[in-house]
Structure formats: C-alpha cells, structure tokens
Amino acid sequence: MIAFFRHIRYHLMGKNKTRTYLSYAIGEIVLVVIWILISLQINNTNEDHKARIYEKKMLTEIKNALAKEVAFFKNHLIGNRLQRSQNACLFFENYLISGAINRDSINYHFNGLTTGLQVTYNRGPFEALKSTGIDRVSNDSLRNMIIDLYEFILPRGAGLIDIYMNDYMSNSKTHEAELRDDLRVEIKNGKVTYLYNRMKDVDLKTNPSFLALLSWGSSGSKSVISIFNSILPEMEALITALDDELNKT
C-alpha cells in the first residue's frame, strides 16, 4: 500500500500538479494517522483482552482457594474439632447433673475437652495478584471486597482465635497436668480413677482443674464458633461476587 501511494505521488510531482499533490499529500497523512490510530486501537484491544484473561485467571484462583477454606472451616474446624469439644461438654455436664456416665466414652471426651486448633488459610493467590498490581481487578467494588477480606477480616478473625486458643492451651496444660497423667481412665464409685501413673481418685464434681477445662469447652468453643460465623458470610459473599464477575464476558 505504501508503494502504491508513493507511485501516485511521484506521478503527480512529475506532472507539476502542485495543488493536487499537496491535497494528496495531506490526504495521505490523514490516512497514515488513521492507520496508526486503528493499529493502536487493535493493539489496545489485544492488551485489554490479555489483561482480562489474566484477571479472570487470578480471580478464579482466589475463588477456588476461598471455596476450599470455607469447606475446611465448616467441615473440619467447626464440624469436627469444635463440635467435638461441645459434645464433650454435654457429656460431662450431663454427668455433673445426673451422675450417670458412659465409661467407654470417658477417654474420648476428655480428649475433646482439650482439643486445640489453629486457623490457617491460603493467601497465595491474593499475594500473587497483589504483587502484579491489585488494580488489575477492574471491578472497584470487587477489588475492595478482596482487599478487605484478606487484609482485615481474615487476619483479624484468625488472630483473635489464635490469641484465645494460645491462652487456653497454655492454661489447659496446667489444668490437664493436675487432672491426669494418662487419658485411659475408669469410673469407680462415681469418681474417675487413673489406671497408670497417679493412681488416685479425682472427684469431677468438685475438681477445679476439671471444672476449668469444662468451662472453656462450654463457653470458649462457642466464642470461637461465633468468630467463624462472622468470617464465613464475608468469605461466601466474596465467592458469590467472584462468580458474578467471572461470568461476565
């Protein structure tokens, strides 16, 4: 095309058609500018397309990570660890009220009273996105939700649980050491008897160490579940928002 325009320009110059030549030259410049603008637009469109592909890839990774965390929190930490603690509380609270107890379940529920947990979550996809520029998320509202969850809600909630659990586990070790040396126990005359090291009877109804452990299981596990219940809706709301964004063209 450039060679074709050059041929016409030389032809006009050769016939001394100056005015026609100038008009043509201006027209040629306009065409070149238009061609450049079109090329830039095509290039920008291609770059925008690549950016959108990358954005969707990162948003998908964040969504998948969040979905796994929600399932882990619900099924393992709440549904397993904390529920076991609450079940242990009900088991021993029933004994304190009624005096009846299932000997075969004592050891299992003693373990439930001292169940600890640590909250961890995958920040990898978020950190990867942040390292390349969080502004690559084009949806302002979605971007703010992601930042809020990973920079405030999750760290704060996990931090509160960790502080609580560290304090509890530190104290419970003392109570547990005072209460038992071996978890395999049996009931004799309404009392828990240790079969191995200490070989002494412990009256659960008046034992301060046992009551301290039971108190945590009764109120503490509920407090931790309450923290989870404040975090999970935020995580699920972000998953929904991510789905909505990913379904856009």
C-alpha atoms as a PDB file:
ATOM      1  CA  MET A   1       0.000   0.000   0.000  1.00  0.00           C
ATOM      2  CA  ILE A   2       2.818   2.440   0.813  1.00  0.00           C
ATOM      3  CA  ALA A   3       4.495   1.687  -2.517  1.00  0.00           C
ATOM      4  CA  PHE A   4       1.183   2.345  -4.271  1.00  0.00           C
ATOM      5  CA  PHE A   5       0.799   5.793  -2.633  1.00  0.00           C
ATOM      6  CA  ARG A   6       4.424   6.613  -3.398  1.00  0.00           C
ATOM      7  CA  HIS A   7       3.886   5.779  -7.093  1.00  0.00           C
ATOM      8  CA  ILE A   8       0.899   8.149  -7.294  1.00  0.00           C
ATOM      9  CA  ARG A   9       2.842  10.909  -5.510  1.00  0.00           C
ATOM     10  CA  TYR A  10       5.769  10.650  -7.938  1.00  0.00           C
ATOM     11  CA  HIS A  11       3.335  10.657 -10.866  1.00  0.00           C
ATOM     12  CA  LEU A  12       1.714  13.903  -9.672  1.00  0.00           C
ATOM     13  CA  MET A  13       5.061  15.530  -8.962  1.00  0.00           C
ATOM     14  CA  GLY A  14       6.232  14.630 -12.435  1.00  0.00           C
ATOM     15  CA  LYS A  15       3.269  16.500 -13.995  1.00  0.00           C
ATOM     16  CA  ASN A  16       3.814  19.600 -11.784  1.00  0.00           C
ATOM     17  CA  LYS A  17       0.357  19.319 -10.306  1.00  0.00           C
ATOM     18  CA  THR A  18       1.422  21.028  -7.088  1.00  0.00           C
ATOM     19  CA  ARG A  19      -2.021  21.775  -5.693  1.00  0.00           C
ATOM     20  CA  THR A  20      -3.236  18.288  -6.442  1.00  0.00           C
ATOM     21  CA  TYR A  21      -0.035  16.916  -4.958  1.00  0.00           C
ATOM     22  CA  LEU A  22      -0.439  18.899  -1.720  1.00  0.00           C
ATOM     23  CA  SER A  23      -4.057  17.784  -1.407  1.00  0.00           C
ATOM     24  CA  TYR A  24      -2.989  14.245  -1.987  1.00  0.00           C
ATOM     25  CA  ALA A  25      -0.099  14.547   0.497  1.00  0.00           C
ATOM     26  CA  ILE A  26      -2.455  15.833   3.169  1.00  0.00           C
ATOM     27  CA  GLY A  27      -4.851  13.026   2.406  1.00  0.00           C
ATOM     28  CA  GLU A  28      -2.013  10.553   2.640  1.00  0.00           C
ATOM     29  CA  ILE A  29      -1.008  11.947   6.039  1.00  0.00           C
ATOM     30  CA  VAL A  30      -4.606  11.657   7.231  1.00  0.00           C
ATOM     31  CA  LEU A  31      -4.740   8.073   6.023  1.00  0.00           C
ATOM     32  CA  VAL A  32      -1.455   7.273   7.800  1.00  0.00           C
ATOM     33  CA  VAL A  33      -2.761   8.832  11.030  1.00  0.00           C
ATOM     34  CA  ILE A  34      -5.985   6.864  10.725  1.00  0.00           C
ATOM     35  CA  TRP A  35      -3.988   3.712  10.069  1.00  0.00           C
ATOM     36  CA  ILE A  36      -1.843   4.364  13.144  1.00  0.00           C
ATOM     37  CA  LEU A  37      -4.927   5.004  15.285  1.00  0.00           C
ATOM     38  CA  ILE A  38      -6.539   1.816  14.041  1.00  0.00           C
ATOM     39  CA  SER A  39      -3.348  -0.120  14.771  1.00  0.00           C
ATOM     40  CA  LEU A  40      -3.169   1.370  18.268  1.00  0.00           C
ATOM     41  CA  GLN A  41      -6.808   0.514  18.870  1.00  0.00           C
ATOM     42  CA  ILE A  42      -6.237  -3.066  17.741  1.00  0.00           C
ATOM     43  CA  ASN A  43      -3.172  -3.277  19.957  1.00  0.00           C
ATOM     44  CA  ASN A  44      -5.058  -1.809  22.937  1.00  0.00           C
ATOM     45  CA  THR A  45      -7.899  -4.246  22.355  1.00  0.00           C
ATOM     46  CA  ASN A  46      -5.433  -7.129  22.323  1.00  0.00           C
ATOM     47  CA  GLU A  47      -3.774  -5.858  25.508  1.00  0.00           C
ATOM     48  CA  ASP A  48      -7.148  -5.438  27.199  1.00  0.00           C
ATOM     49  CA  HIS A  49      -8.057  -8.974  26.174  1.00  0.00           C
ATOM     50  CA  LYS A  50      -4.815 -10.329  27.644  1.00  0.00           C
ATOM     51  CA  ALA A  51      -5.347  -8.324  30.829  1.00  0.00           C
ATOM     52  CA  ARG A  52      -8.879  -9.686  31.162  1.00  0.00           C
ATOM     53  CA  ILE A  53      -7.655 -13.247  30.694  1.00  0.00           C
ATOM     54  CA  TYR A  54      -5.062 -12.739  33.434  1.00  0.00           C
ATOM     55  CA  GLU A  55      -7.608 -11.035  35.693  1.00  0.00           C
ATOM     56  CA  LYS A  56     -10.045 -13.934  35.322  1.00  0.00           C
ATOM     57  CA  LYS A  57      -7.266 -16.436  35.976  1.00  0.00           C
ATOM     58  CA  MET A  58      -6.311 -14.741  39.259  1.00  0.00           C
ATOM     59  CA  LEU A  59      -9.930 -14.273  40.328  1.00  0.00           C
ATOM     60  CA  THR A  60     -10.584 -17.953  39.648  1.00  0.00           C
ATOM     61  CA  GLU A  61      -7.621 -18.949  41.814  1.00  0.00           C
ATOM     62  CA  ILE A  62      -8.829 -16.713  44.639  1.00  0.00           C
ATOM     63  CA  LYS A  63     -12.357 -18.121  44.363  1.00  0.00           C
ATOM     64  CA  ASN A  64     -11.121 -21.740  44.398  1.00  0.00           C
ATOM     65  CA  ALA A  65      -8.891 -21.074  47.399  1.00  0.00           C
ATOM     66  CA  LEU A  66     -11.758 -19.425  49.276  1.00  0.00           C
ATOM     67  CA  ALA A  67     -14.126 -22.293  48.495  1.00  0.00           C
ATOM     68  CA  LYS A  68     -11.614 -24.759  49.973  1.00  0.00           C
ATOM     69  CA  GLU A  69     -11.160 -22.582  53.078  1.00  0.00           C
ATOM     70  CA  VAL A  70     -14.917 -22.323  53.633  1.00  0.00           C
ATOM     71  CA  ALA A  71     -15.279 -26.106  53.363  1.00  0.00           C
ATOM     72  CA  PHE A  72     -12.316 -26.627  55.724  1.00  0.00           C
ATOM     73  CA  PHE A  73     -13.628 -24.171  58.312  1.00  0.00           C
ATOM     74  CA  LYS A  74     -17.147 -25.623  58.228  1.00  0.00           C
ATOM     75  CA  ASN A  75     -16.385 -29.324  57.979  1.00  0.00           C
ATOM     76  CA  HIS A  76     -13.126 -29.726  59.880  1.00  0.00           C
ATOM     77  CA  LEU A  77     -12.691 -26.881  62.358  1.00  0.00           C
ATOM     78  CA  ILE A  78     -16.356 -26.262  63.235  1.00  0.00           C
ATOM     79  CA  GLY A  79     -17.999 -29.540  62.290  1.00  0.00           C
ATOM     80  CA  ASN A  80     -15.223 -31.712  63.714  1.00  0.00           C
ATOM     81  CA  ARG A  81     -12.882 -30.055  66.210  1.00  0.00           C
ATOM     82  CA  LEU A  82     -15.188 -27.538  67.854  1.00  0.00           C
ATOM     83  CA  GLN A  83     -18.235 -29.779  67.660  1.00  0.00           C
ATOM     84  CA  ARG A  84     -16.257 -32.480  69.443  1.00  0.00           C
ATOM     85  CA  SER A  85     -15.454 -30.012  72.210  1.00  0.00           C
ATOM     86  CA  GLN A  86     -19.121 -29.108  72.565  1.00  0.00           C
ATOM     87  CA  ASN A  87     -20.121 -32.784  72.598  1.00  0.00           C
ATOM     88  CA  ALA A  88     -17.571 -33.409  75.356  1.00  0.00           C
ATOM     89  CA  CYS A  89     -19.088 -30.584  77.371  1.00  0.00           C
ATOM     90  CA  LEU A  90     -22.565 -32.020  77.042  1.00  0.00           C
ATOM     91  CA  PHE A  91     -21.233 -35.439  78.059  1.00  0.00           C
ATOM     92  CA  PHE A  92     -19.651 -34.191  81.287  1.00  0.00           C
ATOM     93  CA  GLU A  93     -22.334 -31.631  82.049  1.00  0.00           C
ATOM     94  CA  ASN A  94     -24.852 -34.459  81.947  1.00  0.00           C
ATOM     95  CA  TYR A  95     -22.667 -36.388  84.397  1.00  0.00           C
ATOM     96  CA  LEU A  96     -22.489 -33.414  86.764  1.00  0.00           C
ATOM     97  CA  ILE A  97     -26.279 -33.110  86.685  1.00  0.00           C
ATOM     98  CA  SER A  98     -27.362 -36.744  86.665  1.00  0.00           C
ATOM     99  CA  GLY A  99     -24.376 -38.659  87.983  1.00  0.00           C
ATOM    100  CA  ALA A 100     -24.675 -41.079  85.050  1.00  0.00           C
ATOM    101  CA  ILE A 101     -21.774 -41.601  82.673  1.00  0.00           C
ATOM    102  CA  ASN A 102     -20.748 -43.958  79.869  1.00  0.00           C
ATOM    103  CA  ARG A 103     -17.404 -45.434  80.947  1.00  0.00           C
ATOM    104  CA  ASP A 104     -16.389 -46.366  77.401  1.00  0.00           C
ATOM    105  CA  SER A 105     -16.656 -42.725  76.244  1.00  0.00           C
ATOM    106  CA  ILE A 106     -14.731 -41.032  79.062  1.00  0.00           C
ATOM    107  CA  ASN A 107     -11.309 -41.112  77.426  1.00  0.00           C
ATOM    108  CA  TYR A 108     -12.663 -39.862  74.095  1.00  0.00           C
ATOM    109  CA  HIS A 109     -14.482 -36.940  75.673  1.00  0.00           C
ATOM    110  CA  PHE A 110     -11.544 -35.998  77.891  1.00  0.00           C
ATOM    111  CA  ASN A 111      -9.580 -35.554  74.700  1.00  0.00           C
ATOM    112  CA  GLY A 112     -12.438 -33.453  73.323  1.00  0.00           C
ATOM    113  CA  LEU A 113     -12.190 -31.059  76.245  1.00  0.00           C
ATOM    114  CA  THR A 114      -8.575 -30.262  75.404  1.00  0.00           C
ATOM    115  CA  THR A 115      -8.921 -30.088  71.630  1.00  0.00           C
ATOM    116  CA  GLY A 116      -6.908 -27.219  70.191  1.00  0.00           C
ATOM    117  CA  LEU A 117      -6.942 -25.713  66.719  1.00  0.00           C
ATOM    118  CA  GLN A 118      -5.003 -23.266  64.619  1.00  0.00           C
ATOM    119  CA  VAL A 119      -6.551 -21.179  61.888  1.00  0.00           C
ATOM    120  CA  THR A 120      -4.579 -21.052  58.643  1.00  0.00           C
ATOM    121  CA  TYR A 121      -5.718 -20.009  55.195  1.00  0.00           C
ATOM    122  CA  ASN A 122      -4.206 -19.757  51.744  1.00  0.00           C
ATOM    123  CA  ARG A 123      -3.102 -16.191  50.940  1.00  0.00           C
ATOM    124  CA  GLY A 124      -1.082 -17.325  47.920  1.00  0.00           C
ATOM    125  CA  PRO A 125      -3.489 -16.294  45.115  1.00  0.00           C
ATOM    126  CA  PHE A 126      -4.143 -12.927  46.773  1.00  0.00           C
ATOM    127  CA  GLU A 127      -0.433 -12.228  47.265  1.00  0.00           C
ATOM    128  CA  ALA A 128       0.263 -13.202  43.644  1.00  0.00           C
ATOM    129  CA  LEU A 129      -2.377 -10.759  42.456  1.00  0.00           C
ATOM    130  CA  LYS A 130      -1.124  -8.051  44.790  1.00  0.00           C
ATOM    131  CA  SER A 131       2.450  -8.478  43.589  1.00  0.00           C
ATOM    132  CA  THR A 132       1.423  -7.782  39.989  1.00  0.00           C
ATOM    133  CA  GLY A 133      -0.924  -4.946  40.931  1.00  0.00           C
ATOM    134  CA  ILE A 134      -4.222  -5.267  42.762  1.00  0.00           C
ATOM    135  CA  ASP A 135      -5.600  -2.604  40.418  1.00  0.00           C
ATOM    136  CA  ARG A 136      -5.656  -5.270  37.719  1.00  0.00           C
ATOM    137  CA  VAL A 137      -9.041  -6.175  39.185  1.00  0.00           C
ATOM    138  CA  SER A 138     -11.199  -3.902  37.055  1.00  0.00           C
ATOM    139  CA  ASN A 139     -14.299  -4.050  39.266  1.00  0.00           C
ATOM    140  CA  ASP A 140     -13.760  -1.471  42.023  1.00  0.00           C
ATOM    141  CA  SER A 141     -16.317  -2.986  44.382  1.00  0.00           C
ATOM    142  CA  LEU A 142     -14.910  -6.480  43.951  1.00  0.00           C
ATOM    143  CA  ARG A 143     -11.359  -5.232  44.424  1.00  0.00           C
ATOM    144  CA  ASN A 144     -12.319  -3.566  47.702  1.00  0.00           C
ATOM    145  CA  MET A 145     -14.045  -6.751  48.896  1.00  0.00           C
ATOM    146  CA  ILE A 146     -10.914  -8.805  48.176  1.00  0.00           C
ATOM    147  CA  ILE A 147      -8.646  -6.351  49.972  1.00  0.00           C
ATOM    148  CA  ASP A 148     -10.995  -6.082  52.943  1.00  0.00           C
ATOM    149  CA  LEU A 149     -11.242  -9.840  53.367  1.00  0.00           C
ATOM    150  CA  TYR A 150      -7.539 -10.657  53.039  1.00  0.00           C
ATOM    151  CA  GLU A 151      -6.088  -7.588  54.729  1.00  0.00           C
ATOM    152  CA  PHE A 152      -8.575  -7.170  57.579  1.00  0.00           C
ATOM    153  CA  ILE A 153     -11.371  -9.708  58.099  1.00  0.00           C
ATOM    154  CA  LEU A 154      -9.405 -12.966  57.820  1.00  0.00           C
ATOM    155  CA  PRO A 155      -6.248 -11.781  59.646  1.00  0.00           C
ATOM    156  CA  ARG A 156      -8.306 -10.218  62.432  1.00  0.00           C
ATOM    157  CA  GLY A 157     -10.552 -13.252  62.888  1.00  0.00           C
ATOM    158  CA  ALA A 158      -7.681 -15.739  62.745  1.00  0.00           C
ATOM    159  CA  GLY A 159      -5.663 -13.556  65.109  1.00  0.00           C
ATOM    160  CA  LEU A 160      -8.467 -13.416  67.673  1.00  0.00           C
ATOM    161  CA  ILE A 161      -8.901 -17.195  67.544  1.00  0.00           C
ATOM    162  CA  ASP A 162      -5.156 -17.809  67.818  1.00  0.00           C
ATOM    163  CA  ILE A 163      -4.834 -15.474  70.802  1.00  0.00           C
ATOM    164  CA  TYR A 164      -7.744 -17.158  72.500  1.00  0.00           C
ATOM    165  CA  MET A 165      -6.508 -20.666  71.711  1.00  0.00           C
ATOM    166  CA  ASN A 166      -2.926 -19.949  72.759  1.00  0.00           C
ATOM    167  CA  ASP A 167      -4.136 -18.575  76.078  1.00  0.00           C
ATOM    168  CA  TYR A 168      -6.447 -21.515  76.596  1.00  0.00           C
ATOM    169  CA  MET A 169      -3.887 -24.166  75.652  1.00  0.00           C
ATOM    170  CA  SER A 170      -1.311 -22.575  77.927  1.00  0.00           C
ATOM    171  CA  ASN A 171      -3.695 -22.675  80.876  1.00  0.00           C
ATOM    172  CA  SER A 172      -5.228 -26.023  79.996  1.00  0.00           C
ATOM    173  CA  LYS A 173      -1.826 -27.717  80.066  1.00  0.00           C
ATOM    174  CA  THR A 174      -1.572 -26.795  83.729  1.00  0.00           C
ATOM    175  CA  HIS A 175      -5.116 -27.952  84.467  1.00  0.00           C
ATOM    176  CA  GLU A 176      -4.649 -31.102  82.448  1.00  0.00           C
ATOM    177  CA  ALA A 177      -1.376 -31.940  84.160  1.00  0.00           C
ATOM    178  CA  GLU A 178      -3.080 -31.531  87.506  1.00  0.00           C
ATOM    179  CA  LEU A 179      -6.032 -33.624  86.402  1.00  0.00           C
ATOM    180  CA  ARG A 180      -4.397 -36.544  84.647  1.00  0.00           C
ATOM    181  CA  ASP A 181      -1.202 -38.230  83.628  1.00  0.00           C
ATOM    182  CA  ASP A 182      -2.825 -40.793  81.365  1.00  0.00           C
ATOM    183  CA  LEU A 183      -6.067 -40.434  79.444  1.00  0.00           C
ATOM    184  CA  ARG A 184      -7.146 -44.036  79.958  1.00  0.00           C
ATOM    185  CA  VAL A 185      -9.451 -43.810  82.948  1.00  0.00           C
ATOM    186  CA  GLU A 186     -12.358 -45.626  84.551  1.00  0.00           C
ATOM    187  CA  ILE A 187     -15.196 -44.802  86.916  1.00  0.00           C
ATOM    188  CA  LYS A 188     -15.192 -46.186  90.483  1.00  0.00           C
ATOM    189  CA  ASN A 189     -17.878 -45.089  92.905  1.00  0.00           C
ATOM    190  CA  GLY A 190     -18.753 -42.027  90.836  1.00  0.00           C
ATOM    191  CA  LYS A 191     -15.128 -40.925  90.544  1.00  0.00           C
ATOM    192  CA  VAL A 192     -12.544 -41.036  87.768  1.00  0.00           C
ATOM    193  CA  THR A 193      -9.665 -43.349  88.583  1.00  0.00           C
ATOM    194  CA  TYR A 194      -6.330 -43.114  86.752  1.00  0.00           C
ATOM    195  CA  LEU A 195      -5.060 -46.550  85.830  1.00  0.00           C
ATOM    196  CA  TYR A 196      -1.369 -45.811  85.480  1.00  0.00           C
ATOM    197  CA  ASN A 197       0.885 -43.108  86.888  1.00  0.00           C
ATOM    198  CA  ARG A 198      -1.013 -41.161  89.512  1.00  0.00           C
ATOM    199  CA  MET A 199      -3.316 -43.884  90.759  1.00  0.00           C
ATOM    200  CA  LYS A 200      -5.583 -41.596  92.704  1.00  0.00           C
ATOM    201  CA  ASP A 201      -9.254 -40.709  92.567  1.00  0.00           C
ATOM    202  CA  VAL A 202     -10.499 -37.393  91.265  1.00  0.00           C
ATOM    203  CA  ASP A 203     -13.973 -36.142  92.111  1.00  0.00           C
ATOM    204  CA  LEU A 204     -15.007 -34.400  88.890  1.00  0.00           C
ATOM    205  CA  LYS A 205     -17.867 -32.531  90.515  1.00  0.00           C
ATOM    206  CA  THR A 206     -15.537 -30.533  92.758  1.00  0.00           C
ATOM    207  CA  ASN A 207     -12.199 -30.708  90.966  1.00  0.00           C
ATOM    208  CA  PRO A 208     -11.196 -27.118  89.995  1.00  0.00           C
ATOM    209  CA  SER A 209      -8.943 -28.222  87.137  1.00  0.00           C
ATOM    210  CA  PHE A 210     -11.670 -30.290  85.527  1.00  0.00           C
ATOM    211  CA  LEU A 211     -14.253 -27.553  86.007  1.00  0.00           C
ATOM    212  CA  ALA A 212     -11.856 -25.055  84.399  1.00  0.00           C
ATOM    213  CA  LEU A 213     -11.498 -27.288  81.343  1.00  0.00           C
ATOM    214  CA  LEU A 214     -15.245 -27.796  81.188  1.00  0.00           C
ATOM    215  CA  SER A 215     -15.841 -24.066  81.438  1.00  0.00           C
ATOM    216  CA  TRP A 216     -13.707 -23.416  78.359  1.00  0.00           C
ATOM    217  CA  GLY A 217     -15.385 -26.171  76.403  1.00  0.00           C
ATOM    218  CA  SER A 218     -18.796 -24.795  77.274  1.00  0.00           C
ATOM    219  CA  SER A 219     -18.218 -21.101  76.584  1.00  0.00           C
ATOM    220  CA  GLY A 220     -14.918 -20.920  74.717  1.00  0.00           C
ATOM    221  CA  SER A 221     -15.786 -23.174  71.816  1.00  0.00           C
ATOM    222  CA  LYS A 222     -18.997 -21.208  71.331  1.00  0.00           C
ATOM    223  CA  SER A 223     -16.987 -17.979  71.233  1.00  0.00           C
ATOM    224  CA  VAL A 224     -14.642 -19.400  68.603  1.00  0.00           C
ATOM    225  CA  ILE A 225     -17.595 -20.645  66.542  1.00  0.00           C
ATOM    226  CA  SER A 226     -19.081 -17.148  66.811  1.00  0.00           C
ATOM    227  CA  ILE A 227     -15.897 -15.697  65.308  1.00  0.00           C
ATOM    228  CA  PHE A 228     -16.051 -18.211  62.470  1.00  0.00           C
ATOM    229  CA  ASN A 229     -19.698 -17.332  61.915  1.00  0.00           C
ATOM    230  CA  SER A 230     -18.709 -13.698  61.431  1.00  0.00           C
ATOM    231  CA  ILE A 231     -15.972 -14.608  58.941  1.00  0.00           C
ATOM    232  CA  LEU A 232     -17.759 -17.215  56.831  1.00  0.00           C
ATOM    233  CA  PRO A 233     -20.540 -14.946  55.453  1.00  0.00           C
ATOM    234  CA  GLU A 234     -17.873 -12.488  54.253  1.00  0.00           C
ATOM    235  CA  MET A 235     -15.992 -15.289  52.523  1.00  0.00           C
ATOM    236  CA  GLU A 236     -19.149 -16.648  50.913  1.00  0.00           C
ATOM    237  CA  ALA A 237     -20.223 -13.176  49.801  1.00  0.00           C
ATOM    238  CA  LEU A 238     -16.867 -12.715  48.075  1.00  0.00           C
ATOM    239  CA  ILE A 239     -17.172 -16.108  46.375  1.00  0.00           C
ATOM    240  CA  THR A 240     -20.572 -15.038  45.006  1.00  0.00           C
ATOM    241  CA  ALA A 241     -19.156 -11.700  43.820  1.00  0.00           C
ATOM    242  CA  LEU A 242     -16.240 -13.504  42.159  1.00  0.00           C
ATOM    243  CA  ASP A 243     -18.646 -15.849  40.384  1.00  0.00           C
ATOM    244  CA  ASP A 244     -20.657 -12.885  39.115  1.00  0.00           C
ATOM    245  CA  GLU A 245     -17.516 -11.197  37.778  1.00  0.00           C
ATOM    246  CA  LEU A 246     -16.184 -14.368  36.169  1.00  0.00           C
ATOM    247  CA  ASN A 247     -19.483 -14.925  34.378  1.00  0.00           C
ATOM    248  CA  LYS A 248     -19.141 -11.576  32.640  1.00  0.00           C
ATOM    249  CA  THR A 249     -17.716 -11.565  29.126  1.00  0.00           C
END
